[in-house]
């Protein structure tokens, strides 16, 4: 198993990562607060003032968050 995309994201970080699939104008206010966390984790990047999801972020989004999987079980 590749641990590169194993992240234990908080629910607000998870929602922020999902929100980055849409243009910045559509990011909810709560998602903007976690953007710095996602950038620090390498899951998002900012080009100018426009945030974008990284390839690493896409892999995490596809795999899901272990904390969220545990909550659903």
PDB file of N, CA and C in Angstrom:
ATOM      1  N   UNK A   1       0.836  -1.174   0.000  1.00  0.00           N
ATOM      2  CA  UNK A   1       0.000   0.000   0.000  1.00  0.00           C
ATOM      3  C   UNK A   1       0.882   1.239   0.000  1.00  0.00           C
ATOM      4  N   UNK A   2       0.491   2.242  -0.727  1.00  0.00           N
ATOM      5  CA  UNK A   2       1.238   3.480  -0.825  1.00  0.00           C
ATOM      6  C   UNK A   2       0.735   4.454   0.233  1.00  0.00           C
ATOM      7  N   UNK A   3       1.580   4.786   1.201  1.00  0.00           N
ATOM      8  CA  UNK A   3       1.191   5.686   2.276  1.00  0.00           C
ATOM      9  C   UNK A   3       1.225   7.149   1.859  1.00  0.00           C
ATOM     10  N   UNK A   4       1.617   7.427   0.611  1.00  0.00           N
ATOM     11  CA  UNK A   4       1.714   8.796   0.129  1.00  0.00           C
ATOM     12  C   UNK A   4       0.368   9.512   0.205  1.00  0.00           C
ATOM     13  N   UNK A   5      -0.725   8.791   0.047  1.00  0.00           N
ATOM     14  CA  UNK A   5      -2.032   9.439   0.059  1.00  0.00           C
ATOM     15  C   UNK A   5      -2.860   9.058   1.279  1.00  0.00           C
ATOM     16  N   UNK A   6      -2.215   8.588   2.348  1.00  0.00           N
ATOM     17  CA  UNK A   6      -2.902   8.252   3.586  1.00  0.00           C
ATOM     18  C   UNK A   6      -2.883   9.462   4.512  1.00  0.00           C
ATOM     19  N   UNK A   7      -3.965  10.208   4.542  1.00  0.00           N
ATOM     20  CA  UNK A   7      -4.069  11.390   5.375  1.00  0.00           C
ATOM     21  C   UNK A   7      -5.264  11.237   6.297  1.00  0.00           C
ATOM     22  N   UNK A   8      -5.133  11.720   7.504  1.00  0.00           N
ATOM     23  CA  UNK A   8      -6.210  11.714   8.475  1.00  0.00           C
ATOM     24  C   UNK A   8      -6.778  13.129   8.520  1.00  0.00           C
ATOM     25  N   UNK A   9      -7.593  13.460   7.533  1.00  0.00           N
ATOM     26  CA  UNK A   9      -8.126  14.813   7.418  1.00  0.00           C
ATOM     27  C   UNK A   9      -9.294  15.034   8.355  1.00  0.00           C
ATOM     28  N   UNK A  10      -9.394  16.248   8.886  1.00  0.00           N
ATOM     29  CA  UNK A  10     -10.548  16.646   9.677  1.00  0.00           C
ATOM     30  C   UNK A  10     -11.705  16.879   8.706  1.00  0.00           C
ATOM     31  N   UNK A  11     -12.940  16.780   9.178  1.00  0.00           N
ATOM     32  CA  UNK A  11     -14.083  16.980   8.278  1.00  0.00           C
ATOM     33  C   UNK A  11     -14.049  18.311   7.516  1.00  0.00           C
ATOM     34  N   UNK A  12     -13.614  19.404   8.154  1.00  0.00           N
ATOM     35  CA  UNK A  12     -13.563  20.675   7.444  1.00  0.00           C
ATOM     36  C   UNK A  12     -12.471  20.683   6.376  1.00  0.00           C
ATOM     37  N   UNK A  13     -11.356  19.990   6.630  1.00  0.00           N
ATOM     38  CA  UNK A  13     -10.311  19.879   5.614  1.00  0.00           C
ATOM     39  C   UNK A  13     -10.815  19.042   4.441  1.00  0.00           C
ATOM     40  N   UNK A  14     -11.537  17.994   4.752  1.00  0.00           N
ATOM     41  CA  UNK A  14     -12.109  17.131   3.716  1.00  0.00           C
ATOM     42  C   UNK A  14     -13.060  17.936   2.827  1.00  0.00           C
ATOM     43  N   UNK A  15     -13.940  18.710   3.452  1.00  0.00           N
ATOM     44  CA  UNK A  15     -14.883  19.527   2.687  1.00  0.00           C
ATOM     45  C   UNK A  15     -14.156  20.571   1.854  1.00  0.00           C
ATOM     46  N   UNK A  16     -13.106  21.155   2.405  1.00  0.00           N
ATOM     47  CA  UNK A  16     -12.314  22.128   1.653  1.00  0.00           C
ATOM     48  C   UNK A  16     -11.644  21.502   0.451  1.00  0.00           C
ATOM     49  N   UNK A  17     -11.114  20.304   0.615  1.00  0.00           N
ATOM     50  CA  UNK A  17     -10.475  19.608  -0.499  1.00  0.00           C
ATOM     51  C   UNK A  17     -11.502  19.293  -1.583  1.00  0.00           C
ATOM     52  N   UNK A  18     -12.680  18.838  -1.178  1.00  0.00           N
ATOM     53  CA  UNK A  18     -13.735  18.564  -2.162  1.00  0.00           C
ATOM     54  C   UNK A  18     -14.163  19.845  -2.864  1.00  0.00           C
ATOM     55  N   UNK A  19     -14.192  20.958  -2.128  1.00  0.00           N
ATOM     56  CA  UNK A  19     -14.620  22.232  -2.711  1.00  0.00           C
ATOM     57  C   UNK A  19     -13.635  22.751  -3.749  1.00  0.00           C
ATOM     58  N   UNK A  20     -12.380  22.323  -3.679  1.00  0.00           N
ATOM     59  CA  UNK A  20     -11.384  22.802  -4.643  1.00  0.00           C
ATOM     60  C   UNK A  20     -11.602  22.234  -6.040  1.00  0.00           C
ATOM     61  N   UNK A  21     -12.534  21.319  -6.171  1.00  0.00           N
ATOM     62  CA  UNK A  21     -12.858  20.819  -7.507  1.00  0.00           C
ATOM     63  C   UNK A  21     -13.606  21.866  -8.314  1.00  0.00           C
ATOM     64  N   UNK A  22     -14.131  22.892  -7.649  1.00  0.00           N
ATOM     65  CA  UNK A  22     -14.876  23.962  -8.308  1.00  0.00           C
ATOM     66  C   UNK A  22     -14.062  25.244  -8.283  1.00  0.00           C
ATOM     67  N   UNK A  23     -14.417  26.232  -9.092  1.00  0.00           N
ATOM     68  CA  UNK A  23     -13.672  27.501  -9.080  1.00  0.00           C
ATOM     69  C   UNK A  23     -13.695  28.167  -7.713  1.00  0.00           C
ATOM     70  N   UNK A  24     -12.694  28.999  -7.435  1.00  0.00           N
ATOM     71  CA  UNK A  24     -12.530  29.656  -6.134  1.00  0.00           C
ATOM     72  C   UNK A  24     -13.761  30.456  -5.734  1.00  0.00           C
ATOM     73  N   UNK A  25     -14.445  31.045  -6.672  1.00  0.00           N
ATOM     74  CA  UNK A  25     -15.608  31.861  -6.348  1.00  0.00           C
ATOM     75  C   UNK A  25     -16.699  31.043  -5.666  1.00  0.00           C
ATOM     76  N   UNK A  26     -16.697  29.744  -5.873  1.00  0.00           N
ATOM     77  CA  UNK A  26     -17.730  28.897  -5.303  1.00  0.00           C
ATOM     78  C   UNK A  26     -17.300  28.215  -4.001  1.00  0.00           C
ATOM     79  N   UNK A  27     -16.121  28.525  -3.508  1.00  0.00           N
ATOM     80  CA  UNK A  27     -15.676  27.928  -2.254  1.00  0.00           C
ATOM     81  C   UNK A  27     -16.482  28.505  -1.105  1.00  0.00           C
ATOM     82  N   UNK A  28     -17.041  27.648  -0.264  1.00  0.00           N
ATOM     83  CA  UNK A  28     -17.719  28.175   0.918  1.00  0.00           C
ATOM     84  C   UNK A  28     -16.710  28.850   1.848  1.00  0.00           C
ATOM     85  N   UNK A  29     -17.191  29.759   2.671  1.00  0.00           N
ATOM     86  CA  UNK A  29     -16.298  30.496   3.566  1.00  0.00           C
ATOM     87  C   UNK A  29     -15.498  29.553   4.452  1.00  0.00           C
ATOM     88  N   UNK A  30     -16.111  28.496   4.939  1.00  0.00           N
ATOM     89  CA  UNK A  30     -15.403  27.546   5.806  1.00  0.00           C
ATOM     90  C   UNK A  30     -14.254  26.883   5.074  1.00  0.00           C
ATOM     91  N   UNK A  31     -14.404  26.621   3.792  1.00  0.00           N
ATOM     92  CA  UNK A  31     -13.354  25.975   3.009  1.00  0.00           C
ATOM     93  C   UNK A  31     -12.151  26.901   2.832  1.00  0.00           C
ATOM     94  N   UNK A  32     -12.383  28.189   2.796  1.00  0.00           N
ATOM     95  CA  UNK A  32     -11.281  29.132   2.637  1.00  0.00           C
ATOM     96  C   UNK A  32     -10.364  29.130   3.856  1.00  0.00           C
ATOM     97  N   UNK A  33     -10.924  28.850   5.024  1.00  0.00           N
ATOM     98  CA  UNK A  33     -10.126  28.833   6.247  1.00  0.00           C
ATOM     99  C   UNK A  33      -9.168  27.650   6.290  1.00  0.00           C
ATOM    100  N   UNK A  34      -9.531  26.545   5.691  1.00  0.00           N
ATOM    101  CA  UNK A  34      -8.672  25.354   5.740  1.00  0.00           C
ATOM    102  C   UNK A  34      -7.713  25.292   4.557  1.00  0.00           C
ATOM    103  N   UNK A  35      -7.804  26.239   3.651  1.00  0.00           N
ATOM    104  CA  UNK A  35      -6.947  26.233   2.469  1.00  0.00           C
ATOM    105  C   UNK A  35      -5.469  26.219   2.846  1.00  0.00           C
ATOM    106  N   UNK A  36      -5.084  26.990   3.847  1.00  0.00           N
ATOM    107  CA  UNK A  36      -3.680  27.017   4.273  1.00  0.00           C
ATOM    108  C   UNK A  36      -3.231  25.642   4.766  1.00  0.00           C
ATOM    109  N   UNK A  37      -4.113  24.937   5.488  1.00  0.00           N
ATOM    110  CA  UNK A  37      -3.788  23.582   5.950  1.00  0.00           C
ATOM    111  C   UNK A  37      -3.573  22.649   4.766  1.00  0.00           C
ATOM    112  N   UNK A  38      -4.443  22.736   3.781  1.00  0.00           N
ATOM    113  CA  UNK A  38      -4.341  21.856   2.613  1.00  0.00           C
ATOM    114  C   UNK A  38      -3.085  22.152   1.807  1.00  0.00           C
ATOM    115  N   UNK A  39      -2.718  23.424   1.699  1.00  0.00           N
ATOM    116  CA  UNK A  39      -1.488  23.799   0.999  1.00  0.00           C
ATOM    117  C   UNK A  39      -0.286  23.255   1.764  1.00  0.00           C
ATOM    118  N   UNK A  40      -0.304  23.369   3.086  1.00  0.00           N
ATOM    119  CA  UNK A  40       0.809  22.868   3.903  1.00  0.00           C
ATOM    120  C   UNK A  40       0.961  21.350   3.770  1.00  0.00           C
ATOM    121  N   UNK A  41      -0.143  20.640   3.588  1.00  0.00           N
ATOM    122  CA  UNK A  41      -0.100  19.188   3.414  1.00  0.00           C
ATOM    123  C   UNK A  41       0.260  18.781   1.988  1.00  0.00           C
ATOM    124  N   UNK A  42       0.324  19.758   1.078  1.00  0.00           N
ATOM    125  CA  UNK A  42       0.638  19.460  -0.316  1.00  0.00           C
ATOM    126  C   UNK A  42      -0.562  18.965  -1.100  1.00  0.00           C
ATOM    127  N   UNK A  43      -1.761  19.159  -0.559  1.00  0.00           N
ATOM    128  CA  UNK A  43      -2.970  18.691  -1.226  1.00  0.00           C
ATOM    129  C   UNK A  43      -3.585  19.761  -2.118  1.00  0.00           C
ATOM    130  N   UNK A  44      -3.165  20.998  -1.911  1.00  0.00           N
ATOM    131  CA  UNK A  44      -3.653  22.117  -2.710  1.00  0.00           C
ATOM    132  C   UNK A  44      -2.495  23.065  -2.958  1.00  0.00           C
ATOM    133  N   UNK A  45      -2.684  23.912  -3.925  1.00  0.00           N
ATOM    134  CA  UNK A  45      -1.684  24.928  -4.244  1.00  0.00           C
ATOM    135  C   UNK A  45      -2.416  26.212  -4.612  1.00  0.00           C
ATOM    136  N   UNK A  46      -1.724  27.317  -4.551  1.00  0.00           N
ATOM    137  CA  UNK A  46      -2.318  28.569  -5.002  1.00  0.00           C
ATOM    138  C   UNK A  46      -1.437  29.167  -6.075  1.00  0.00           C
ATOM    139  N   UNK A  47      -2.046  29.504  -7.170  1.00  0.00           N
ATOM    140  CA  UNK A  47      -1.361  30.176  -8.265  1.00  0.00           C
ATOM    141  C   UNK A  47      -1.958  31.567  -8.341  1.00  0.00           C
ATOM    142  N   UNK A  48      -1.170  32.538  -7.936  1.00  0.00           N
ATOM    143  CA  UNK A  48      -1.739  33.871  -7.789  1.00  0.00           C
ATOM    144  C   UNK A  48      -2.706  33.837  -6.633  1.00  0.00           C
ATOM    145  N   UNK A  49      -3.955  34.134  -6.894  1.00  0.00           N
ATOM    146  CA  UNK A  49      -4.987  34.067  -5.845  1.00  0.00           C
ATOM    147  C   UNK A  49      -5.939  32.904  -6.058  1.00  0.00           C
ATOM    148  N   UNK A  50      -5.642  32.055  -7.036  1.00  0.00           N
ATOM    149  CA  UNK A  50      -6.547  30.966  -7.372  1.00  0.00           C
ATOM    150  C   UNK A  50      -6.022  29.651  -6.818  1.00  0.00           C
ATOM    151  N   UNK A  51      -6.767  29.041  -5.886  1.00  0.00           N
ATOM    152  CA  UNK A  51      -6.334  27.742  -5.355  1.00  0.00           C
ATOM    153  C   UNK A  51      -6.717  26.618  -6.310  1.00  0.00           C
ATOM    154  N   UNK A  52      -5.947  25.565  -6.269  1.00  0.00           N
ATOM    155  CA  UNK A  52      -6.229  24.396  -7.102  1.00  0.00           C
ATOM    156  C   UNK A  52      -5.814  23.149  -6.343  1.00  0.00           C
ATOM    157  N   UNK A  53      -6.477  22.067  -6.636  1.00  0.00           N
ATOM    158  CA  UNK A  53      -6.150  20.790  -6.027  1.00  0.00           C
ATOM    159  C   UNK A  53      -4.926  20.221  -6.744  1.00  0.00           C
ATOM    160  N   UNK A  54      -4.014  19.618  -6.008  1.00  0.00           N
ATOM    161  CA  UNK A  54      -2.821  19.019  -6.603  1.00  0.00           C
ATOM    162  C   UNK A  54      -3.105  17.566  -6.963  1.00  0.00           C
ATOM    163  N   UNK A  55      -2.179  16.955  -7.672  1.00  0.00           N
ATOM    164  CA  UNK A  55      -2.316  15.541  -8.016  1.00  0.00           C
ATOM    165  C   UNK A  55      -2.390  14.703  -6.739  1.00  0.00           C
ATOM    166  N   UNK A  56      -1.576  15.050  -5.771  1.00  0.00           N
ATOM    167  CA  UNK A  56      -1.601  14.360  -4.475  1.00  0.00           C
ATOM    168  C   UNK A  56      -2.972  14.534  -3.816  1.00  0.00           C
ATOM    169  N   UNK A  57      -3.538  15.722  -3.911  1.00  0.00           N
ATOM    170  CA  UNK A  57      -4.863  15.990  -3.363  1.00  0.00           C
ATOM    171  C   UNK A  57      -5.938  15.170  -4.053  1.00  0.00           C
ATOM    172  N   UNK A  58      -5.814  15.003  -5.364  1.00  0.00           N
ATOM    173  CA  UNK A  58      -6.779  14.174  -6.104  1.00  0.00           C
ATOM    174  C   UNK A  58      -6.735  12.726  -5.630  1.00  0.00           C
ATOM    175  N   UNK A  59      -5.514  12.214  -5.409  1.00  0.00           N
ATOM    176  CA  UNK A  59      -5.393  10.827  -4.930  1.00  0.00           C
ATOM    177  C   UNK A  59      -6.035  10.668  -3.558  1.00  0.00           C
ATOM    178  N   UNK A  60      -5.824  11.655  -2.685  1.00  0.00           N
ATOM    179  CA  UNK A  60      -6.419  11.602  -1.351  1.00  0.00           C
ATOM    180  C   UNK A  60      -7.943  11.664  -1.460  1.00  0.00           C
ATOM    181  N   UNK A  61      -8.431  12.509  -2.335  1.00  0.00           N
ATOM    182  CA  UNK A  61      -9.867  12.652  -2.512  1.00  0.00           C
ATOM    183  C   UNK A  61     -10.492  11.352  -3.004  1.00  0.00           C
ATOM    184  N   UNK A  62      -9.815  10.674  -3.905  1.00  0.00           N
ATOM    185  CA  UNK A  62     -10.331   9.414  -4.441  1.00  0.00           C
ATOM    186  C   UNK A  62     -10.299   8.321  -3.375  1.00  0.00           C
ATOM    187  N   UNK A  63      -9.225   8.248  -2.618  1.00  0.00           N
ATOM    188  CA  UNK A  63      -9.093   7.208  -1.584  1.00  0.00           C
ATOM    189  C   UNK A  63      -9.967   7.469  -0.382  1.00  0.00           C
ATOM    190  N   UNK A  64     -10.172   8.723  -0.047  1.00  0.00           N
ATOM    191  CA  UNK A  64     -10.969   9.069   1.122  1.00  0.00           C
ATOM    192  C   UNK A  64     -10.115   9.257   2.355  1.00  0.00           C
ATOM    193  N   UNK A  65     -10.743   9.735   3.394  1.00  0.00           N
ATOM    194  CA  UNK A  65     -10.069   9.982   4.655  1.00  0.00           C
ATOM    195  C   UNK A  65     -10.366   8.842   5.610  1.00  0.00           C
ATOM    196  N   UNK A  66      -9.318   8.341   6.284  1.00  0.00           N
ATOM    197  CA  UNK A  66      -9.504   7.250   7.228  1.00  0.00           C
ATOM    198  C   UNK A  66     -10.439   7.653   8.365  1.00  0.00           C
ATOM    199  N   UNK A  67     -10.344   8.872   8.829  1.00  0.00           N
ATOM    200  CA  UNK A  67     -11.219   9.321   9.908  1.00  0.00           C
ATOM    201  C   UNK A  67     -12.678   9.288   9.453  1.00  0.00           C
ATOM    202  N   UNK A  68     -12.943   9.717   8.221  1.00  0.00           N
ATOM    203  CA  UNK A  68     -14.316   9.698   7.718  1.00  0.00           C
ATOM    204  C   UNK A  68     -14.803   8.278   7.497  1.00  0.00           C
ATOM    205  N   UNK A  69     -13.913   7.391   7.053  1.00  0.00           N
ATOM    206  CA  UNK A  69     -14.304   5.986   6.872  1.00  0.00           C
ATOM    207  C   UNK A  69     -14.654   5.360   8.211  1.00  0.00           C
ATOM    208  N   UNK A  70     -13.888   5.670   9.251  1.00  0.00           N
ATOM    209  CA  UNK A  70     -14.174   5.130  10.577  1.00  0.00           C
ATOM    210  C   UNK A  70     -15.520   5.646  11.098  1.00  0.00           C
ATOM    211  N   UNK A  71     -15.830   6.908  10.821  1.00  0.00           N
ATOM    212  CA  UNK A  71     -17.089   7.486  11.283  1.00  0.00           C
ATOM    213  C   UNK A  71     -18.276   6.845  10.577  1.00  0.00           C
ATOM    214  N   UNK A  72     -18.087   6.447   9.329  1.00  0.00           N
ATOM    215  CA  UNK A  72     -19.183   5.856   8.567  1.00  0.00           C
ATOM    216  C   UNK A  72     -19.430   4.405   8.955  1.00  0.00           C
ATOM    217  N   UNK A  73     -18.419   3.768   9.537  1.00  0.00           N
ATOM    218  CA  UNK A  73     -18.557   2.336   9.876  1.00  0.00           C
ATOM    219  C   UNK A  73     -19.411   2.089  11.093  1.00  0.00           C
TER     220      UNK A  73
END
